[in-house]
């Protein structure tokens, strides 16, 4: 009987450990995604900061729009420009 109780305790502890490890991983992935979005947002806003007379979101949208037009009319492909445009799309500015 003692062995059965000990096995049940071990099983419960293993399940609880597995559950909390899964929760930890989900929280870590969510935090990494949020940090990635925030870094993209900071990059777009810092690049668009040179626009005059617009609030931050209007600047970012305007910057993304201009960069998109430049990218469409330019045969020279730039990986940095593509990365910034990808950030613009992921933030919903295009």
Protein backbone atom coordinates (compact mmCIF):
# COMPACT_ATOMS: atom_id res chain seq x y z
CA UNK A 1 0.00 0.00 0.00
CA UNK A 2 2.85 2.39 0.83
CA UNK A 3 4.37 1.76 -2.58
CA UNK A 4 1.07 2.60 -4.28
CA UNK A 5 0.74 5.89 -2.37
CA UNK A 6 4.37 6.75 -3.16
CA UNK A 7 3.81 6.01 -6.87
CA UNK A 8 0.66 8.15 -6.88
CA UNK A 9 2.53 11.03 -5.24
CA UNK A 10 5.33 10.77 -7.78
CA UNK A 11 2.81 10.72 -10.63
CA UNK A 12 1.03 13.81 -9.28
CA UNK A 13 4.32 15.65 -8.82
CA UNK A 14 5.41 14.73 -12.35
CA UNK A 15 2.10 15.95 -13.78
CA UNK A 16 2.27 19.24 -11.87
CA UNK A 17 5.87 19.76 -12.99
CA UNK A 18 4.93 19.04 -16.62
CA UNK A 19 1.96 21.40 -16.44
CA UNK A 20 3.95 24.29 -14.97
CA UNK A 21 6.80 23.76 -17.43
CA UNK A 22 4.29 24.07 -20.29
CA UNK A 23 2.87 27.26 -18.78
CA UNK A 24 6.37 28.66 -18.40
CA UNK A 25 7.16 27.91 -22.05
CA UNK A 26 3.92 29.53 -23.25
CA UNK A 27 4.66 32.65 -21.20
CA UNK A 28 8.23 32.77 -22.53
CA UNK A 29 7.06 32.52 -26.15
CA UNK A 30 4.41 35.20 -25.60
CA UNK A 31 7.00 37.51 -24.01
CA UNK A 32 9.43 36.95 -26.88
CA UNK A 33 6.71 37.73 -29.43
CA UNK A 34 5.70 40.89 -27.56
CA UNK A 35 9.34 41.99 -27.40
CA UNK A 36 9.75 41.37 -31.13
CA UNK A 37 6.67 43.44 -31.94
CA UNK A 38 7.84 46.24 -29.67
CA UNK A 39 11.31 46.24 -31.26
CA UNK A 40 9.74 46.41 -34.73
CA UNK A 41 7.52 49.26 -33.59
CA UNK A 42 10.45 51.19 -32.09
CA UNK A 43 12.46 50.74 -35.27
CA UNK A 44 9.67 52.00 -37.53
CA UNK A 45 8.92 54.96 -35.25
CA UNK A 46 12.58 55.94 -34.96
CA UNK A 47 13.04 55.78 -38.75
CA UNK A 48 9.87 57.83 -39.27
CA UNK A 49 10.77 60.42 -36.63
CA UNK A 50 12.11 62.84 -39.24
CA UNK A 51 8.62 63.55 -40.59
CA UNK A 52 7.36 66.93 -39.45
CA UNK A 53 3.87 67.83 -38.24
CA UNK A 54 2.46 64.37 -37.77
CA UNK A 55 1.81 62.28 -34.69
CA UNK A 56 3.78 59.07 -34.20
CA UNK A 57 1.35 56.66 -35.87
CA UNK A 58 0.77 58.96 -38.84
CA UNK A 59 4.53 59.31 -39.25
CA UNK A 60 5.00 55.56 -39.18
CA UNK A 61 2.20 54.95 -41.69
CA UNK A 62 3.53 57.69 -43.98
CA UNK A 63 7.08 56.36 -43.74
CA UNK A 64 5.94 52.81 -44.50
CA UNK A 65 3.87 54.01 -47.45
CA UNK A 66 6.76 55.99 -48.94
CA UNK A 67 9.17 53.11 -48.41
CA UNK A 68 6.71 50.72 -50.07
CA UNK A 69 6.42 53.01 -53.10
CA UNK A 70 10.20 53.29 -53.32
CA UNK A 71 10.49 49.51 -53.13
CA UNK A 72 7.93 49.00 -55.91
CA UNK A 73 9.57 51.52 -58.26
CA UNK A 74 13.14 50.43 -57.59
CA UNK A 75 14.63 47.32 -59.21
CA UNK A 76 17.49 47.36 -56.69
CA UNK A 77 16.33 45.08 -53.87
CA UNK A 78 17.61 45.81 -50.39
CA UNK A 79 17.35 43.26 -47.60
CA UNK A 80 17.19 46.05 -45.02
CA UNK A 81 14.32 47.72 -46.88
CA UNK A 82 12.53 44.36 -47.15
CA UNK A 83 12.98 43.82 -43.40
CA UNK A 84 11.56 47.26 -42.58
CA UNK A 85 8.63 46.68 -44.94
CA UNK A 86 8.02 43.33 -43.29
CA UNK A 87 7.89 45.13 -39.94
CA UNK A 88 5.45 47.66 -41.42
CA UNK A 89 3.18 44.85 -42.62
CA UNK A 90 3.32 43.00 -39.32
CA UNK A 91 2.34 46.16 -37.43
CA UNK A 92 -0.53 46.85 -39.84
CA UNK A 93 0.90 50.05 -41.31
CA UNK A 94 0.64 48.72 -44.89
